[in-house]
Amino acid sequence: MMTPDHPNVPAVKATLDELINAVSGHSFNELDQTYHKDMRTYLLLEDGGFVQNDKPGFMEYVQAAMRLEEDHCPWAEYHLVEASDTRGHILISRKNKVTKRTQLVTLSIDFIFEGGRWQIIREVIMTRSNDA
């Protein structure tokens, strides 16, 4: 059972922190290491659109989107980090200006410990405007 006080919580959070910092700085090599080969993403857009992706498709999407982002913005608000021996989960909000206006992006991210490292196996992502 996953809990917020499991000893693996810091390692799961550190995995996502490293990914955020790498991608925010336009270094995309971390994507391949962190994303599990069977990863799936589900993106719910503010305008009602819905996009599903596998690992290669989402890596392409992230790289294209981040090329539009001019500033290194690793801002993140962690709402929940929980783990078990082999699973992890993070609920987090991030901000970006990929669409030239600030959006708040909320992600529910599932991790699996495999191959000696924490990997993202699934992301559910929701966007909404945050013009603050």
C-alpha atoms as a PDB file:
ATOM      1  CA  MET A   1       0.000   0.000   0.000  1.00  0.00           C
ATOM      2  CA  MET A   2       1.290   3.449  -0.894  1.00  0.00           C
ATOM      3  CA  THR A   3       1.634   5.974   1.923  1.00  0.00           C
ATOM      4  CA  PRO A   4       3.063   9.519   2.212  1.00  0.00           C
ATOM      5  CA  ASP A   5       5.460   8.362   4.939  1.00  0.00           C
ATOM      6  CA  HIS A   6       6.987   5.374   3.117  1.00  0.00           C
ATOM      7  CA  PRO A   7      10.823   5.457   2.994  1.00  0.00           C
ATOM      8  CA  ASN A   8      10.735   5.572  -0.841  1.00  0.00           C
ATOM      9  CA  VAL A   9       8.874   8.908  -0.933  1.00  0.00           C
ATOM     10  CA  PRO A  10      12.069  11.042  -1.110  1.00  0.00           C
ATOM     11  CA  ALA A  11      13.441   8.941  -3.999  1.00  0.00           C
ATOM     12  CA  VAL A  12      10.186   9.221  -5.985  1.00  0.00           C
ATOM     13  CA  LYS A  13      10.074  12.996  -5.427  1.00  0.00           C
ATOM     14  CA  ALA A  14      13.771  13.346  -6.345  1.00  0.00           C
ATOM     15  CA  THR A  15      13.122  11.519  -9.627  1.00  0.00           C
ATOM     16  CA  LEU A  16      10.453  14.032 -10.604  1.00  0.00           C
ATOM     17  CA  ASP A  17      12.509  17.012  -9.373  1.00  0.00           C
ATOM     18  CA  GLU A  18      15.391  15.934 -11.624  1.00  0.00           C
ATOM     19  CA  LEU A  19      13.058  15.534 -14.601  1.00  0.00           C
ATOM     20  CA  ILE A  20      11.451  18.960 -14.035  1.00  0.00           C
ATOM     21  CA  ASN A  21      14.814  20.692 -13.779  1.00  0.00           C
ATOM     22  CA  ALA A  22      16.201  18.937 -16.846  1.00  0.00           C
ATOM     23  CA  VAL A  23      13.190  19.577 -19.077  1.00  0.00           C
ATOM     24  CA  SER A  24      12.702  23.149 -17.804  1.00  0.00           C
ATOM     25  CA  GLY A  25      16.310  23.782 -18.816  1.00  0.00           C
ATOM     26  CA  HIS A  26      15.641  22.237 -22.252  1.00  0.00           C
ATOM     27  CA  SER A  27      17.744  19.141 -21.562  1.00  0.00           C
ATOM     28  CA  PHE A  28      15.633  16.254 -22.822  1.00  0.00           C
ATOM     29  CA  ASN A  29      17.908  13.233 -22.254  1.00  0.00           C
ATOM     30  CA  GLU A  30      16.284  12.712 -18.851  1.00  0.00           C
ATOM     31  CA  LEU A  31      12.938  11.950 -20.539  1.00  0.00           C
ATOM     32  CA  ASP A  32      14.113   8.657 -22.001  1.00  0.00           C
ATOM     33  CA  GLN A  33      15.574   7.493 -18.676  1.00  0.00           C
ATOM     34  CA  THR A  34      12.587   8.500 -16.564  1.00  0.00           C
ATOM     35  CA  TYR A  35       9.752   7.427 -18.837  1.00  0.00           C
ATOM     36  CA  HIS A  36       8.979   3.702 -18.696  1.00  0.00           C
ATOM     37  CA  LYS A  37       8.898   1.887 -22.053  1.00  0.00           C
ATOM     38  CA  ASP A  38       5.156   1.207 -21.571  1.00  0.00           C
ATOM     39  CA  MET A  39       4.277   4.714 -20.372  1.00  0.00           C
ATOM     40  CA  ARG A  40       0.887   6.158 -21.313  1.00  0.00           C
ATOM     41  CA  THR A  41      -0.247   9.762 -21.001  1.00  0.00           C
ATOM     42  CA  TYR A  42      -3.745  11.238 -20.972  1.00  0.00           C
ATOM     43  CA  LEU A  43      -3.918  14.991 -21.531  1.00  0.00           C
ATOM     44  CA  LEU A  44      -7.170  16.879 -20.908  1.00  0.00           C
ATOM     45  CA  LEU A  45      -6.922  20.329 -22.470  1.00  0.00           C
ATOM     46  CA  GLU A  46      -8.662  23.445 -21.197  1.00  0.00           C
ATOM     47  CA  ASP A  47     -10.597  23.733 -24.481  1.00  0.00           C
ATOM     48  CA  GLY A  48     -12.056  20.234 -24.036  1.00  0.00           C
ATOM     49  CA  GLY A  49      -9.526  18.466 -26.229  1.00  0.00           C
ATOM     50  CA  PHE A  50      -8.117  15.095 -25.225  1.00  0.00           C
ATOM     51  CA  VAL A  51      -4.765  13.636 -26.288  1.00  0.00           C
ATOM     52  CA  GLN A  52      -3.395  10.148 -25.547  1.00  0.00           C
ATOM     53  CA  ASN A  53       0.222   9.237 -26.084  1.00  0.00           C
ATOM     54  CA  ASP A  54       2.786   6.515 -25.631  1.00  0.00           C
ATOM     55  CA  LYS A  55       6.403   7.169 -24.595  1.00  0.00           C
ATOM     56  CA  PRO A  56       7.790   8.201 -28.013  1.00  0.00           C
ATOM     57  CA  GLY A  57       4.759  10.344 -28.821  1.00  0.00           C
ATOM     58  CA  PHE A  58       4.786  12.126 -25.481  1.00  0.00           C
ATOM     59  CA  MET A  59       8.541  12.711 -25.606  1.00  0.00           C
ATOM     60  CA  GLU A  60       8.027  14.410 -28.973  1.00  0.00           C
ATOM     61  CA  TYR A  61       5.133  16.460 -27.583  1.00  0.00           C
ATOM     62  CA  VAL A  62       7.138  17.629 -24.527  1.00  0.00           C
ATOM     63  CA  GLN A  63      10.159  18.577 -26.606  1.00  0.00           C
ATOM     64  CA  ALA A  64       8.072  20.588 -29.078  1.00  0.00           C
ATOM     65  CA  ALA A  65       6.150  22.331 -26.281  1.00  0.00           C
ATOM     66  CA  MET A  66       9.255  23.180 -24.251  1.00  0.00           C
ATOM     67  CA  ARG A  67      10.996  24.680 -27.284  1.00  0.00           C
ATOM     68  CA  LEU A  68       8.242  27.324 -27.188  1.00  0.00           C
ATOM     69  CA  GLU A  69       8.904  28.014 -23.489  1.00  0.00           C
ATOM     70  CA  GLU A  70      11.484  30.765 -23.240  1.00  0.00           C
ATOM     71  CA  ASP A  71      12.190  30.826 -19.510  1.00  0.00           C
ATOM     72  CA  HIS A  72      13.591  28.125 -17.260  1.00  0.00           C
ATOM     73  CA  CYS A  73      10.602  27.654 -14.948  1.00  0.00           C
ATOM     74  CA  PRO A  74      10.927  24.694 -12.596  1.00  0.00           C
ATOM     75  CA  TRP A  75       8.069  25.986 -10.394  1.00  0.00           C
ATOM     76  CA  ALA A  76       6.058  23.140  -8.910  1.00  0.00           C
ATOM     77  CA  GLU A  77       3.568  22.702  -6.091  1.00  0.00           C
ATOM     78  CA  TYR A  78       3.506  19.179  -4.706  1.00  0.00           C
ATOM     79  CA  HIS A  79       0.062  18.244  -3.383  1.00  0.00           C
ATOM     80  CA  LEU A  80       0.787  14.586  -2.600  1.00  0.00           C
ATOM     81  CA  VAL A  81       3.777  12.252  -2.796  1.00  0.00           C
ATOM     82  CA  GLU A  82       3.249   8.628  -1.772  1.00  0.00           C
ATOM     83  CA  ALA A  83       5.078   5.370  -2.316  1.00  0.00           C
ATOM     84  CA  SER A  84       5.307   1.677  -1.558  1.00  0.00           C
ATOM     85  CA  ASP A  85       8.182  -0.726  -2.174  1.00  0.00           C
ATOM     86  CA  THR A  86       7.627  -0.753  -5.957  1.00  0.00           C
ATOM     87  CA  ARG A  87       5.051   1.953  -6.750  1.00  0.00           C
ATOM     88  CA  GLY A  88       4.890   5.706  -6.377  1.00  0.00           C
ATOM     89  CA  HIS A  89       2.376   8.451  -7.021  1.00  0.00           C
ATOM     90  CA  ILE A  90       2.663  12.231  -7.198  1.00  0.00           C
ATOM     91  CA  LEU A  91      -0.073  14.833  -7.538  1.00  0.00           C
ATOM     92  CA  ILE A  92       1.532  18.101  -8.626  1.00  0.00           C
ATOM     93  CA  SER A  93       0.741  21.456 -10.239  1.00  0.00           C
ATOM     94  CA  ARG A  94       3.103  23.296 -12.590  1.00  0.00           C
ATOM     95  CA  LYS A  95       2.934  26.566 -14.510  1.00  0.00           C
ATOM     96  CA  ASN A  96       4.029  27.189 -18.083  1.00  0.00           C
ATOM     97  CA  LYS A  97       3.628  29.790 -20.804  1.00  0.00           C
ATOM     98  CA  VAL A  98       3.844  27.490 -23.818  1.00  0.00           C
ATOM     99  CA  THR A  99       0.695  29.072 -25.254  1.00  0.00           C
ATOM    100  CA  LYS A 100       2.053  32.617 -24.565  1.00  0.00           C
ATOM    101  CA  ARG A 101      -0.188  32.898 -21.511  1.00  0.00           C
ATOM    102  CA  THR A 102       0.247  31.296 -18.144  1.00  0.00           C
ATOM    103  CA  GLN A 103      -1.408  27.919 -17.763  1.00  0.00           C
ATOM    104  CA  LEU A 104      -1.705  25.845 -14.644  1.00  0.00           C
ATOM    105  CA  VAL A 105      -1.037  22.192 -15.389  1.00  0.00           C
ATOM    106  CA  THR A 106      -2.085  19.587 -12.814  1.00  0.00           C
ATOM    107  CA  LEU A 107      -0.589  16.112 -13.138  1.00  0.00           C
ATOM    108  CA  SER A 108      -1.321  12.778 -11.499  1.00  0.00           C
ATOM    109  CA  ILE A 109       1.849  10.746 -12.083  1.00  0.00           C
ATOM    110  CA  ASP A 110       2.296   7.029 -11.396  1.00  0.00           C
ATOM    111  CA  PHE A 111       5.770   5.533 -10.924  1.00  0.00           C
ATOM    112  CA  ILE A 112       7.104   2.000 -10.941  1.00  0.00           C
ATOM    113  CA  PHE A 113      10.460   0.862  -9.565  1.00  0.00           C
ATOM    114  CA  GLU A 114      12.007  -1.246 -12.294  1.00  0.00           C
ATOM    115  CA  GLY A 115      15.508  -1.727 -13.653  1.00  0.00           C
ATOM    116  CA  GLY A 116      17.008  -0.256 -10.488  1.00  0.00           C
ATOM    117  CA  ARG A 117      15.294   3.131 -10.858  1.00  0.00           C
ATOM    118  CA  TRP A 118      11.977   4.932 -10.510  1.00  0.00           C
ATOM    119  CA  GLN A 119      10.179   5.347 -13.847  1.00  0.00           C
ATOM    120  CA  ILE A 120       6.980   7.089 -14.862  1.00  0.00           C
ATOM    121  CA  ILE A 121       4.429   4.574 -16.110  1.00  0.00           C
ATOM    122  CA  ARG A 122       1.363   6.865 -16.438  1.00  0.00           C
ATOM    123  CA  GLU A 123       0.507  10.568 -16.389  1.00  0.00           C
ATOM    124  CA  VAL A 124      -2.928  12.131 -16.309  1.00  0.00           C
ATOM    125  CA  ILE A 125      -2.574  15.823 -17.131  1.00  0.00           C
ATOM    126  CA  MET A 126      -5.163  18.615 -16.954  1.00  0.00           C
ATOM    127  CA  THR A 127      -4.594  22.190 -18.143  1.00  0.00           C
ATOM    128  CA  ARG A 128      -6.407  25.389 -17.244  1.00  0.00           C
ATOM    129  CA  SER A 129      -5.634  29.081 -17.578  1.00  0.00           C
ATOM    130  CA  ASN A 130      -3.907  30.841 -14.712  1.00  0.00           C
ATOM    131  CA  ASP A 131      -3.566  34.441 -15.839  1.00  0.00           C
ATOM    132  CA  ALA A 132      -2.409  35.565 -12.412  1.00  0.00           C
END
